Protein backbone atom coordinates (compact mmCIF):
# COMPACT_ATOMS: atom_id res chain seq x y z
CA MET A 1 -39.10 -54.89 -77.59
CA ASP A 2 -35.72 -56.05 -75.56
CA ASN A 3 -35.54 -58.97 -72.65
CA VAL A 4 -36.39 -56.84 -69.69
CA GLU A 5 -39.82 -55.97 -71.69
CA LYS A 6 -40.34 -59.14 -72.66
CA TYR A 7 -39.87 -60.61 -69.30
CA ASP A 8 -41.45 -57.85 -67.94
CA LYS A 9 -43.93 -58.11 -70.37
CA ALA A 10 -44.84 -62.20 -69.19
CA PHE A 11 -45.67 -60.60 -65.15
CA LEU A 12 -47.74 -57.85 -66.53
CA GLU A 13 -50.05 -60.30 -69.18
CA ALA A 14 -49.80 -63.47 -66.41
CA PHE A 15 -50.92 -61.59 -63.06
CA SER A 16 -52.35 -58.93 -64.63
CA ILE A 17 -50.31 -56.54 -61.99
CA GLU A 18 -48.77 -52.40 -62.26
CA LYS A 19 -45.65 -52.43 -63.34
CA LYS A 20 -44.18 -50.32 -60.25
CA VAL A 21 -45.09 -53.91 -58.08
CA LEU A 22 -42.91 -56.17 -59.96
CA GLN A 23 -39.10 -55.14 -58.61
CA ASP A 24 -41.15 -56.43 -55.46
CA LEU A 25 -43.07 -60.00 -56.26
CA VAL A 26 -42.48 -62.83 -54.66
CA TYR A 27 -44.74 -66.59 -55.32
CA ASN A 28 -47.73 -66.37 -53.51
CA LYS A 29 -47.21 -63.06 -52.71
CA ILE A 30 -50.00 -61.95 -54.60
CA GLU A 31 -53.46 -64.04 -55.55
CA GLN A 32 -53.10 -64.03 -58.68
CA TRP A 33 -49.48 -66.42 -58.54
CA ASP A 34 -50.64 -69.63 -57.23
CA SER A 35 -48.87 -72.40 -58.52
CA ILE A 36 -51.78 -72.26 -61.92
CA GLY A 37 -50.31 -68.87 -62.27
CA HIS A 38 -46.66 -69.89 -61.87
CA MET A 39 -47.37 -71.99 -64.49
CA THR A 40 -48.86 -69.64 -67.09
CA LEU A 41 -46.03 -66.91 -65.95
CA ILE A 42 -43.59 -70.07 -67.20
CA SER A 43 -44.91 -71.35 -69.92
CA ASP A 44 -45.28 -67.61 -71.63
CA ILE A 45 -41.06 -66.94 -70.45
CA GLU A 46 -40.52 -70.06 -72.75
CA ASP A 47 -42.14 -68.85 -75.32
CA LYS A 48 -41.30 -65.07 -75.58
CA PHE A 49 -36.92 -66.50 -75.22
CA LYS A 50 -37.70 -69.38 -76.92
CA ILE A 51 -35.94 -72.04 -74.24
CA THR A 52 -37.11 -74.83 -71.83
CA PHE A 53 -36.29 -74.52 -68.55
CA GLU A 54 -35.09 -77.35 -66.44
CA THR A 55 -37.57 -78.43 -64.02
CA ASP A 56 -35.02 -77.47 -60.76
CA ASP A 57 -35.51 -73.92 -62.22
CA VAL A 58 -39.17 -73.84 -62.76
CA VAL A 59 -39.64 -74.46 -58.74
CA ASP A 60 -36.76 -72.38 -58.22
CA PHE A 61 -38.66 -69.89 -59.32
CA SER A 62 -39.56 -67.88 -57.08
CA SER A 63 -39.91 -63.91 -57.62
CA TYR A 64 -39.10 -61.22 -60.22
CA LYS A 65 -35.57 -60.77 -59.13
CA LYS A 66 -34.09 -65.10 -58.81
CA GLY A 67 -36.31 -65.27 -62.29
CA LYS A 68 -33.19 -62.74 -63.72
CA ALA A 69 -30.72 -64.76 -62.01
CA ILE A 70 -32.52 -67.55 -63.86
CA LEU A 71 -32.52 -66.75 -66.85
CA LYS A 72 -29.03 -65.52 -67.34
CA LYS A 73 -28.64 -69.44 -66.99
CA TYR A 74 -30.35 -69.55 -70.38
CA LYS A 75 -28.04 -66.60 -71.49
CA ILE A 76 -31.08 -63.89 -71.64
CA ASP A 77 -29.28 -61.22 -70.27
CA PHE A 78 -30.66 -58.02 -69.14
C-alpha cells in the first residue's frame, strides 16, 4: 500500500465516507469530522505512518489537503 492509499484509508475508516469526497473535505464539513472524529483520524494516521504529530500540527490539520502538506514535514511523500 502506498502513502496515498494509507492516507485515504485513514479518512475512509475514521469517517465512513466515500472516496470521491476526500479532495474537498474540511474539518466540520461533515458531521463525523468533529473533535472526537479528528482525534480518531490523527491517531490512525500516526499509527499508519509511524509518526507522532506535534500539537500545532494536530490543531492545523484542518482539511484533507492541509493534512498532506503537514505530513510532508514528517518526510511523508505523496
